[in-house]
N, C-alpha and C. Protein backbone atom coordinates (compact mmCIF):
# COMPACT_ATOMS: atom_id res chain seq x y z
N MET A 1 176.71 71.41 80.58
CA MET A 1 176.44 72.64 81.28
C MET A 1 176.26 73.79 80.29
N GLU A 2 177.12 73.81 79.26
CA GLU A 2 177.06 74.87 78.26
C GLU A 2 175.74 74.80 77.49
N LYS A 3 175.31 73.55 77.16
CA LYS A 3 174.03 73.37 76.47
C LYS A 3 172.88 73.89 77.33
N MET A 4 172.96 73.65 78.62
CA MET A 4 171.90 74.08 79.53
C MET A 4 171.84 75.61 79.58
N LEU A 5 173.00 76.26 79.62
CA LEU A 5 173.04 77.73 79.64
C LEU A 5 172.50 78.30 78.34
N THR A 6 172.86 77.70 77.23
CA THR A 6 172.36 78.15 75.93
C THR A 6 170.85 78.00 75.87
N ARG A 7 170.37 76.87 76.34
CA ARG A 7 168.92 76.60 76.34
C ARG A 7 168.19 77.61 77.25
N LEU A 8 168.77 77.87 78.43
CA LEU A 8 168.18 78.83 79.37
C LEU A 8 168.16 80.24 78.78
N THR A 9 169.24 80.64 78.12
CA THR A 9 169.32 81.95 77.48
C THR A 9 168.29 82.05 76.36
N THR A 10 168.15 81.02 75.56
CA THR A 10 167.18 81.01 74.48
C THR A 10 165.77 81.12 75.04
N MET A 11 165.47 80.36 76.07
CA MET A 11 164.14 80.41 76.68
C MET A 11 163.86 81.79 77.27
N SER A 12 164.88 82.38 77.88
CA SER A 12 164.72 83.72 78.45
C SER A 12 164.43 84.74 77.37
N LEU A 13 165.14 84.66 76.27
CA LEU A 13 164.93 85.58 75.16
C LEU A 13 163.52 85.43 74.58
N ILE A 14 163.08 84.18 74.42
CA ILE A 14 161.73 83.94 73.91
C ILE A 14 160.69 84.52 74.87
N PHE A 15 160.89 84.28 76.18
CA PHE A 15 159.96 84.82 77.18
C PHE A 15 159.89 86.34 77.10
N PHE A 16 161.06 87.00 77.10
CA PHE A 16 161.07 88.46 77.04
C PHE A 16 160.47 88.99 75.74
N PHE A 17 160.71 88.31 74.63
CA PHE A 17 160.12 88.72 73.36
C PHE A 17 158.59 88.70 73.45
N PHE A 18 158.03 87.57 73.92
CA PHE A 18 156.57 87.47 74.03
C PHE A 18 156.01 88.43 75.08
N PHE A 19 156.73 88.60 76.19
CA PHE A 19 156.28 89.50 77.25
C PHE A 19 156.20 90.94 76.72
N PHE A 20 157.25 91.42 76.08
CA PHE A 20 157.25 92.80 75.60
C PHE A 20 156.33 93.00 74.41
N SER A 21 156.18 91.97 73.54
CA SER A 21 155.22 92.11 72.43
C SER A 21 153.81 92.22 72.97
N THR A 22 153.53 91.51 74.05
CA THR A 22 152.20 91.59 74.67
C THR A 22 151.97 92.99 75.24
N LEU A 23 152.99 93.54 75.87
CA LEU A 23 152.87 94.90 76.41
C LEU A 23 152.62 95.92 75.30
N VAL A 24 153.40 95.82 74.22
CA VAL A 24 153.25 96.76 73.11
C VAL A 24 151.87 96.59 72.48
N ALA A 25 151.46 95.36 72.25
CA ALA A 25 150.13 95.11 71.66
C ALA A 25 149.05 95.61 72.60
N GLY A 26 149.23 95.43 73.90
CA GLY A 26 148.24 95.90 74.87
C GLY A 26 148.10 97.41 74.83
N LYS A 27 149.19 98.11 74.67
CA LYS A 27 149.13 99.57 74.62
C LYS A 27 148.39 100.04 73.37
N SER A 28 148.68 99.44 72.25
CA SER A 28 148.08 99.92 71.01
C SER A 28 146.66 99.39 70.80
N GLN A 29 146.28 98.30 71.45
CA GLN A 29 144.96 97.73 71.24
C GLN A 29 144.14 97.71 72.52
N GLY A 30 144.54 98.43 73.53
CA GLY A 30 143.85 98.42 74.82
C GLY A 30 142.50 99.11 74.76
N PHE A 31 141.78 99.02 75.84
CA PHE A 31 140.46 99.62 75.91
C PHE A 31 140.47 101.01 76.54
N SER A 32 141.66 101.49 76.93
CA SER A 32 141.69 102.81 77.56
C SER A 32 142.87 103.61 77.04
N ARG A 33 142.78 104.91 77.26
CA ARG A 33 143.89 105.80 76.89
C ARG A 33 143.80 107.04 77.75
N SER A 34 144.90 107.75 77.85
CA SER A 34 144.95 108.99 78.60
C SER A 34 144.53 110.14 77.70
N LEU A 35 143.78 111.08 78.27
CA LEU A 35 143.34 112.26 77.52
C LEU A 35 143.58 113.50 78.36
N SER A 36 143.70 114.61 77.71
CA SER A 36 143.74 115.88 78.42
C SER A 36 142.31 116.42 78.47
N PRO A 37 141.95 117.20 79.47
CA PRO A 37 140.60 117.78 79.51
C PRO A 37 140.26 118.57 78.24
N GLU A 38 141.26 119.22 77.65
CA GLU A 38 141.03 120.01 76.43
C GLU A 38 140.56 119.14 75.27
N ALA A 39 141.00 117.88 75.23
CA ALA A 39 140.61 116.97 74.15
C ALA A 39 139.10 116.71 74.17
N LEU A 40 138.47 116.88 75.32
CA LEU A 40 137.02 116.71 75.44
C LEU A 40 136.28 118.05 75.40
N GLY A 41 137.00 119.11 75.12
CA GLY A 41 136.38 120.43 75.06
C GLY A 41 136.13 121.03 76.42
N LEU A 42 136.78 120.49 77.46
CA LEU A 42 136.59 121.01 78.81
C LEU A 42 137.48 122.22 79.02
N LYS A 43 136.88 123.25 79.59
CA LYS A 43 137.63 124.48 79.83
C LYS A 43 138.05 124.52 81.30
N LYS A 44 138.20 125.68 81.83
CA LYS A 44 138.66 125.84 83.21
C LYS A 44 137.61 125.32 84.20
N GLU A 45 138.08 124.61 85.20
CA GLU A 45 137.20 124.11 86.26
C GLU A 45 136.71 125.27 87.12
N LYS A 46 135.42 125.21 87.53
CA LYS A 46 134.88 126.28 88.37
C LYS A 46 134.16 125.68 89.58
N LEU A 47 133.93 126.53 90.57
CA LEU A 47 133.22 126.13 91.78
C LEU A 47 131.87 126.83 91.77
N SER A 48 130.77 126.04 91.89
CA SER A 48 129.42 126.61 91.91
C SER A 48 128.76 126.31 93.25
N HIS A 49 127.89 127.23 93.67
CA HIS A 49 127.08 127.07 94.88
C HIS A 49 125.62 127.05 94.46
N LEU A 50 124.91 125.99 94.81
CA LEU A 50 123.47 125.89 94.53
C LEU A 50 122.73 125.87 95.86
N HIS A 51 121.60 126.55 95.89
CA HIS A 51 120.79 126.64 97.10
C HIS A 51 119.35 126.35 96.72
N PHE A 52 118.74 125.35 97.38
CA PHE A 52 117.36 124.98 97.09
C PHE A 52 116.77 124.23 98.28
N PHE A 53 115.47 123.96 98.19
CA PHE A 53 114.75 123.25 99.25
C PHE A 53 114.16 121.97 98.68
N LEU A 54 114.32 120.88 99.42
CA LEU A 54 113.80 119.57 99.04
C LEU A 54 112.53 119.32 99.87
N HIS A 55 111.47 118.87 99.20
CA HIS A 55 110.19 118.60 99.86
C HIS A 55 109.93 117.09 99.82
N ASP A 56 110.09 116.44 100.96
CA ASP A 56 109.91 114.99 101.06
C ASP A 56 108.53 114.73 101.68
N ILE A 57 107.58 114.34 100.86
CA ILE A 57 106.18 114.13 101.30
C ILE A 57 105.95 112.63 101.41
N VAL A 58 105.71 112.15 102.64
CA VAL A 58 105.62 110.70 102.87
C VAL A 58 104.19 110.22 103.13
N GLU A 59 103.23 111.13 103.24
CA GLU A 59 101.83 110.76 103.51
C GLU A 59 100.91 111.44 102.51
N GLY A 60 99.74 110.86 102.28
CA GLY A 60 98.71 111.49 101.47
C GLY A 60 98.76 111.11 100.00
N GLU A 61 97.81 111.69 99.26
CA GLU A 61 97.67 111.39 97.83
C GLU A 61 98.86 111.88 97.01
N LYS A 62 99.49 112.94 97.44
CA LYS A 62 100.60 113.52 96.67
C LYS A 62 101.96 113.16 97.27
N ALA A 63 102.06 111.96 97.84
CA ALA A 63 103.34 111.51 98.41
C ALA A 63 104.42 111.48 97.33
N THR A 64 105.61 111.94 97.70
CA THR A 64 106.74 111.94 96.76
C THR A 64 107.81 110.95 97.18
N ALA A 65 107.62 110.32 98.33
CA ALA A 65 108.54 109.28 98.81
C ALA A 65 107.69 108.14 99.37
N VAL A 66 107.99 106.93 98.93
CA VAL A 66 107.21 105.78 99.38
C VAL A 66 108.13 104.68 99.89
N ARG A 67 107.71 104.06 100.97
CA ARG A 67 108.45 102.93 101.53
C ARG A 67 108.18 101.72 100.64
N VAL A 68 109.22 101.09 100.15
CA VAL A 68 109.05 99.96 99.24
C VAL A 68 109.52 98.64 99.84
N ALA A 69 110.28 98.70 100.94
CA ALA A 69 110.76 97.46 101.57
C ALA A 69 111.09 97.74 103.03
N GLU A 70 111.05 96.67 103.81
CA GLU A 70 111.46 96.76 105.20
C GLU A 70 111.88 95.38 105.68
N ALA A 71 112.66 95.36 106.74
CA ALA A 71 113.12 94.11 107.34
C ALA A 71 112.06 93.58 108.30
N TRP A 72 112.21 92.34 108.72
CA TRP A 72 111.24 91.73 109.63
C TRP A 72 111.15 92.49 110.96
N MET A 73 112.21 93.19 111.34
CA MET A 73 112.22 93.87 112.63
C MET A 73 112.11 95.39 112.54
N THR A 74 111.88 95.92 111.35
CA THR A 74 111.82 97.38 111.17
C THR A 74 110.79 98.04 112.07
N ASN A 75 109.59 97.49 112.14
CA ASN A 75 108.52 98.12 112.92
C ASN A 75 108.74 98.07 114.43
N THR A 76 109.66 97.24 114.90
CA THR A 76 109.96 97.20 116.34
C THR A 76 111.24 97.96 116.67
N SER A 77 111.94 98.43 115.65
CA SER A 77 113.18 99.17 115.85
C SER A 77 112.89 100.63 116.18
N LYS A 78 113.61 101.17 117.16
CA LYS A 78 113.40 102.58 117.53
C LYS A 78 113.86 103.55 116.43
N THR A 79 114.67 103.06 115.48
CA THR A 79 115.16 103.93 114.40
C THR A 79 114.55 103.58 113.04
N GLY A 80 113.67 102.58 113.00
CA GLY A 80 113.12 102.14 111.71
C GLY A 80 114.16 101.40 110.89
N PHE A 81 115.17 100.87 111.56
CA PHE A 81 116.28 100.20 110.89
C PHE A 81 115.78 99.16 109.88
N GLY A 82 116.25 99.28 108.65
CA GLY A 82 115.94 98.30 107.63
C GLY A 82 114.91 98.73 106.60
N PHE A 83 114.33 99.92 106.72
CA PHE A 83 113.36 100.31 105.69
C PHE A 83 114.08 100.95 104.51
N LEU A 84 113.43 100.86 103.35
CA LEU A 84 113.94 101.45 102.11
C LEU A 84 112.82 102.23 101.47
N ALA A 85 113.09 103.48 101.11
CA ALA A 85 112.09 104.33 100.45
C ALA A 85 112.66 104.84 99.13
N ILE A 86 111.77 104.95 98.15
CA ILE A 86 112.11 105.53 96.85
C ILE A 86 111.52 106.93 96.81
N MET A 87 112.28 107.88 96.28
CA MET A 87 111.84 109.27 96.29
C MET A 87 111.90 109.92 94.92
N ASP A 88 110.98 110.85 94.71
CA ASP A 88 110.98 111.74 93.56
C ASP A 88 110.47 113.08 94.08
N ASP A 89 111.32 113.75 94.86
CA ASP A 89 110.94 114.95 95.61
C ASP A 89 111.20 116.22 94.80
N PRO A 90 110.26 117.17 94.88
CA PRO A 90 110.51 118.46 94.21
C PRO A 90 111.60 119.26 94.92
N LEU A 91 112.37 119.99 94.11
CA LEU A 91 113.37 120.94 94.60
C LEU A 91 112.87 122.32 94.23
N THR A 92 112.77 123.22 95.20
CA THR A 92 112.24 124.56 94.93
C THR A 92 113.23 125.63 95.36
N GLU A 93 113.03 126.84 94.79
CA GLU A 93 113.90 127.97 95.14
C GLU A 93 113.73 128.39 96.59
N GLY A 94 112.50 128.36 97.08
CA GLY A 94 112.23 128.76 98.45
C GLY A 94 111.63 127.63 99.26
N PRO A 95 111.39 127.85 100.54
CA PRO A 95 110.87 126.78 101.40
C PRO A 95 109.40 126.44 101.15
N ASP A 96 108.67 127.32 100.48
CA ASP A 96 107.26 127.06 100.18
C ASP A 96 107.16 126.13 98.97
N LEU A 97 106.34 125.09 99.08
CA LEU A 97 106.18 124.14 97.98
C LEU A 97 105.68 124.83 96.71
N GLY A 98 105.01 125.96 96.85
CA GLY A 98 104.51 126.71 95.71
C GLY A 98 105.55 127.59 95.05
N SER A 99 106.75 127.69 95.62
CA SER A 99 107.79 128.50 94.97
C SER A 99 108.32 127.77 93.74
N LYS A 100 109.09 128.46 92.94
CA LYS A 100 109.54 127.94 91.64
C LYS A 100 110.27 126.60 91.81
N THR A 101 109.84 125.60 91.04
CA THR A 101 110.50 124.29 91.04
C THR A 101 111.72 124.37 90.13
N VAL A 102 112.89 123.96 90.69
CA VAL A 102 114.13 124.00 89.92
C VAL A 102 114.63 122.61 89.55
N GLY A 103 114.02 121.57 90.13
CA GLY A 103 114.45 120.22 89.82
C GLY A 103 113.75 119.19 90.68
N ARG A 104 114.27 117.96 90.61
CA ARG A 104 113.74 116.84 91.39
C ARG A 104 114.91 116.12 92.05
N ALA A 105 114.65 115.60 93.25
CA ALA A 105 115.61 114.71 93.92
C ALA A 105 115.07 113.31 93.73
N GLN A 106 115.74 112.52 92.91
CA GLN A 106 115.25 111.19 92.56
C GLN A 106 116.27 110.15 93.02
N GLY A 107 115.76 109.16 93.76
CA GLY A 107 116.66 108.12 94.25
C GLY A 107 116.02 107.33 95.36
N MET A 108 116.83 107.02 96.37
CA MET A 108 116.33 106.23 97.49
C MET A 108 117.08 106.58 98.76
N TYR A 109 116.41 106.28 99.87
CA TYR A 109 117.07 106.38 101.16
C TYR A 109 116.65 105.21 102.02
N ALA A 110 117.55 104.80 102.90
CA ALA A 110 117.31 103.64 103.74
C ALA A 110 117.78 103.93 105.15
N SER A 111 117.05 103.42 106.13
CA SER A 111 117.49 103.51 107.51
C SER A 111 118.63 102.52 107.69
N ALA A 112 119.82 103.04 107.92
CA ALA A 112 121.01 102.19 107.90
C ALA A 112 121.76 102.16 109.23
N ALA A 113 121.12 102.62 110.30
CA ALA A 113 121.77 102.59 111.62
C ALA A 113 120.80 102.02 112.65
N GLU A 114 121.27 101.10 113.45
CA GLU A 114 120.41 100.47 114.46
C GLU A 114 120.15 101.36 115.66
N ASN A 115 121.13 102.18 116.05
CA ASN A 115 121.02 102.91 117.31
C ASN A 115 120.84 104.41 117.18
N GLU A 116 120.74 104.92 115.98
CA GLU A 116 120.47 106.34 115.77
C GLU A 116 119.72 106.48 114.45
N PHE A 117 119.06 107.60 114.26
CA PHE A 117 118.30 107.77 113.03
C PHE A 117 119.22 108.37 111.97
N ALA A 118 119.83 107.49 111.18
CA ALA A 118 120.74 107.90 110.11
C ALA A 118 120.35 107.16 108.84
N LEU A 119 120.29 107.90 107.77
CA LEU A 119 119.88 107.34 106.48
C LEU A 119 121.07 107.21 105.54
N LEU A 120 121.03 106.19 104.71
CA LEU A 120 121.91 106.09 103.57
C LEU A 120 121.16 106.76 102.43
N MET A 121 121.73 107.82 101.86
CA MET A 121 121.10 108.56 100.76
C MET A 121 121.81 108.23 99.45
N VAL A 122 121.02 107.86 98.45
CA VAL A 122 121.53 107.61 97.10
C VAL A 122 120.57 108.34 96.17
N LEU A 123 120.99 109.48 95.64
CA LEU A 123 120.05 110.25 94.83
C LEU A 123 120.74 111.11 93.80
N ASN A 124 119.94 111.52 92.83
CA ASN A 124 120.35 112.48 91.81
C ASN A 124 119.52 113.74 91.98
N PHE A 125 120.18 114.87 91.95
CA PHE A 125 119.48 116.14 91.83
C PHE A 125 119.36 116.40 90.33
N ALA A 126 118.16 116.26 89.80
CA ALA A 126 117.92 116.44 88.36
C ALA A 126 117.33 117.84 88.16
N PHE A 127 118.08 118.73 87.54
CA PHE A 127 117.67 120.12 87.40
C PHE A 127 116.87 120.35 86.12
N ILE A 128 115.85 121.21 86.23
CA ILE A 128 114.94 121.46 85.09
C ILE A 128 114.85 122.94 84.73
N GLU A 129 115.67 123.77 85.36
CA GLU A 129 115.59 125.22 85.15
C GLU A 129 116.95 125.83 84.85
N GLY A 130 116.92 126.94 84.12
CA GLY A 130 118.10 127.77 83.90
C GLY A 130 119.24 127.05 83.20
N LYS A 131 120.46 127.51 83.49
CA LYS A 131 121.63 126.96 82.79
C LYS A 131 121.92 125.52 83.19
N TYR A 132 121.31 125.03 84.27
CA TYR A 132 121.54 123.65 84.72
C TYR A 132 120.47 122.68 84.20
N LYS A 133 119.52 123.18 83.41
CA LYS A 133 118.44 122.34 82.88
C LYS A 133 119.02 121.12 82.14
N GLY A 134 118.54 119.94 82.51
CA GLY A 134 119.01 118.71 81.88
C GLY A 134 120.28 118.15 82.50
N SER A 135 120.80 118.81 83.52
CA SER A 135 122.02 118.34 84.19
C SER A 135 121.67 117.71 85.53
N ASN A 136 122.54 116.84 86.00
CA ASN A 136 122.32 116.12 87.26
C ASN A 136 123.55 116.16 88.13
N LEU A 137 123.32 116.12 89.44
CA LEU A 137 124.38 115.90 90.42
C LEU A 137 124.03 114.64 91.19
N SER A 138 125.03 113.81 91.46
CA SER A 138 124.80 112.56 92.20
C SER A 138 125.36 112.68 93.61
N LEU A 139 124.51 112.32 94.57
CA LEU A 139 124.87 112.37 95.98
C LEU A 139 124.81 110.95 96.54
N LEU A 140 125.79 110.61 97.34
CA LEU A 140 125.82 109.31 98.02
C LEU A 140 126.44 109.55 99.38
N GLY A 141 125.67 109.31 100.44
CA GLY A 141 126.26 109.55 101.75
C GLY A 141 125.34 109.24 102.91
N ARG A 142 125.84 109.54 104.09
CA ARG A 142 125.15 109.30 105.35
C ARG A 142 124.47 110.58 105.81
N ASN A 143 123.20 110.47 106.15
CA ASN A 143 122.41 111.62 106.57
C ASN A 143 121.91 111.37 108.00
N GLU A 144 122.56 112.00 108.97
CA GLU A 144 122.12 111.91 110.37
C GLU A 144 120.98 112.93 110.54
N VAL A 145 119.76 112.47 110.36
CA VAL A 145 118.59 113.31 110.20
C VAL A 145 118.40 114.34 111.31
N PHE A 146 118.71 114.01 112.56
CA PHE A 146 118.46 114.94 113.65
C PHE A 146 119.66 115.83 113.99
N SER A 147 120.73 115.76 113.21
CA SER A 147 121.84 116.70 113.38
C SER A 147 121.43 118.02 112.73
N GLU A 148 121.91 119.12 113.28
CA GLU A 148 121.51 120.42 112.75
C GLU A 148 121.90 120.57 111.28
N VAL A 149 123.14 120.28 110.96
CA VAL A 149 123.61 120.34 109.57
C VAL A 149 124.29 119.01 109.25
N ARG A 150 123.89 118.43 108.12
CA ARG A 150 124.49 117.17 107.67
C ARG A 150 125.28 117.44 106.40
N GLU A 151 126.44 116.81 106.29
CA GLU A 151 127.27 116.98 105.11
C GLU A 151 127.38 115.65 104.38
N MET A 152 127.10 115.68 103.08
CA MET A 152 127.16 114.47 102.27
C MET A 152 127.93 114.77 100.98
N PRO A 153 128.67 113.78 100.48
CA PRO A 153 129.48 114.02 99.28
C PRO A 153 128.68 114.02 97.98
N ILE A 154 129.09 114.90 97.09
CA ILE A 154 128.64 114.87 95.70
C ILE A 154 129.72 114.07 94.97
N ILE A 155 129.30 112.98 94.33
CA ILE A 155 130.29 112.05 93.77
C ILE A 155 130.38 112.09 92.25
N GLY A 156 129.56 112.93 91.61
CA GLY A 156 129.62 113.02 90.16
C GLY A 156 128.45 113.80 89.61
N GLY A 157 128.35 113.81 88.31
CA GLY A 157 127.25 114.52 87.67
C GLY A 157 127.26 114.29 86.18
N SER A 158 126.30 114.94 85.52
CA SER A 158 126.20 114.85 84.06
C SER A 158 125.79 116.20 83.51
N GLY A 159 125.86 116.34 82.19
CA GLY A 159 125.53 117.62 81.56
C GLY A 159 126.56 118.66 81.96
N VAL A 160 126.09 119.80 82.44
CA VAL A 160 126.97 120.88 82.90
C VAL A 160 127.89 120.38 84.02
N PHE A 161 127.43 119.37 84.76
CA PHE A 161 128.17 118.89 85.92
C PHE A 161 129.05 117.66 85.65
N ARG A 162 129.47 117.45 84.41
CA ARG A 162 130.40 116.35 84.14
C ARG A 162 131.66 116.53 85.00
N PHE A 163 132.16 115.44 85.50
CA PHE A 163 133.35 115.42 86.36
C PHE A 163 133.14 116.18 87.68
N ALA A 164 131.90 116.29 88.13
CA ALA A 164 131.60 117.04 89.35
C ALA A 164 132.13 116.32 90.58
N ARG A 165 132.49 117.14 91.57
CA ARG A 165 132.85 116.65 92.89
C ARG A 165 132.62 117.78 93.87
N GLY A 166 132.21 117.42 95.08
CA GLY A 166 131.95 118.44 96.07
C GLY A 166 131.19 117.88 97.25
N TYR A 167 130.38 118.74 97.86
CA TYR A 167 129.60 118.30 99.01
C TYR A 167 128.30 119.07 99.10
N ALA A 168 127.35 118.46 99.80
CA ALA A 168 126.06 119.09 100.04
C ALA A 168 125.86 119.20 101.55
N GLN A 169 125.34 120.33 101.97
CA GLN A 169 124.95 120.51 103.37
C GLN A 169 123.44 120.55 103.44
N ALA A 170 122.88 119.69 104.28
CA ALA A 170 121.42 119.62 104.43
C ALA A 170 121.06 120.11 105.83
N LYS A 171 120.01 120.92 105.89
CA LYS A 171 119.54 121.46 107.17
C LYS A 171 118.02 121.39 107.16
N THR A 172 117.44 120.73 108.16
CA THR A 172 115.99 120.61 108.22
C THR A 172 115.37 121.97 108.46
N HIS A 173 114.49 122.36 107.56
CA HIS A 173 113.78 123.63 107.67
C HIS A 173 112.48 123.44 108.47
N LYS A 174 111.76 122.34 108.16
CA LYS A 174 110.50 122.05 108.85
C LYS A 174 110.24 120.55 108.73
N ILE A 175 109.71 119.96 109.79
CA ILE A 175 109.39 118.54 109.75
C ILE A 175 108.06 118.29 110.45
N THR A 176 107.21 117.49 109.80
CA THR A 176 105.93 117.06 110.38
C THR A 176 105.81 115.55 110.14
N VAL A 177 104.72 114.96 110.59
CA VAL A 177 104.49 113.54 110.36
C VAL A 177 104.33 113.26 108.86
N GLU A 178 103.73 114.20 108.13
CA GLU A 178 103.45 114.00 106.70
C GLU A 178 104.62 114.33 105.78
N SER A 179 105.46 115.27 106.18
CA SER A 179 106.50 115.72 105.25
C SER A 179 107.65 116.41 105.97
N SER A 180 108.69 116.63 105.22
CA SER A 180 109.80 117.44 105.72
C SER A 180 110.29 118.34 104.59
N ILE A 181 110.77 119.49 105.00
CA ILE A 181 111.37 120.44 104.07
C ILE A 181 112.83 120.59 104.50
N VAL A 182 113.73 120.31 103.57
CA VAL A 182 115.15 120.33 103.89
C VAL A 182 115.84 121.34 102.99
N GLU A 183 116.58 122.24 103.61
CA GLU A 183 117.35 123.25 102.88
C GLU A 183 118.70 122.65 102.48
N TYR A 184 119.07 122.80 101.23
CA TYR A 184 120.34 122.28 100.73
C TYR A 184 121.21 123.43 100.23
N ASN A 185 122.47 123.39 100.63
CA ASN A 185 123.53 124.21 100.06
C ASN A 185 124.53 123.24 99.46
N VAL A 186 124.73 123.33 98.15
CA VAL A 186 125.59 122.40 97.44
C VAL A 186 126.76 123.18 96.87
N PHE A 187 127.96 122.71 97.14
CA PHE A 187 129.19 123.32 96.64
C PHE A 187 129.87 122.29 95.75
N VAL A 188 130.04 122.63 94.48
CA VAL A 188 130.52 121.61 93.54
C VAL A 188 131.53 122.19 92.55
N TYR A 189 132.63 121.48 92.38
CA TYR A 189 133.58 121.77 91.31
C TYR A 189 133.13 121.05 90.05
N HIS A 190 133.19 121.72 88.93
CA HIS A 190 132.85 121.13 87.64
C HIS A 190 133.45 121.99 86.53
N TYR A 191 133.37 121.48 85.29
CA TYR A 191 133.92 122.24 84.15
C TYR A 191 132.84 123.07 83.51
């Protein structure tokens, strides 16, 4: 019995030695570490409001959104369920397409609801003007197209918008068979 206890104690000590050495080695040789925002040169977080108009042109020679895929039943669905479109839409300061271009909305949207017209939006707002030039905001969310105001999350960004989080409100300004103009108000926290 005494031999068994000694053997068990020895095995336990060996196990704990290897277990803790693995933990220590994992900490010093791991692939991640904790940082403070200051270590990356990040200063105080701020809240910004951006206001612009998105021009989604689906018909004609200058189309900015094109349908690239659809399901076998998309054309018989009352909501267009199952289609996928790729977009590279201009973002302008005002509702007129001729107003100053401030960026592009690049990404895709898909009809993702069988019984209502709701889109899954996956896009980047890529800015080309002012202090946001070269920076992007990423949006991922549900867009109930016929609701007066739709709210979608901003899930990240790059450039000036590193560590961004917030939301976008979309409101249809004008819609025709060929195109739609959507007003966006974006509220985003970033450094």
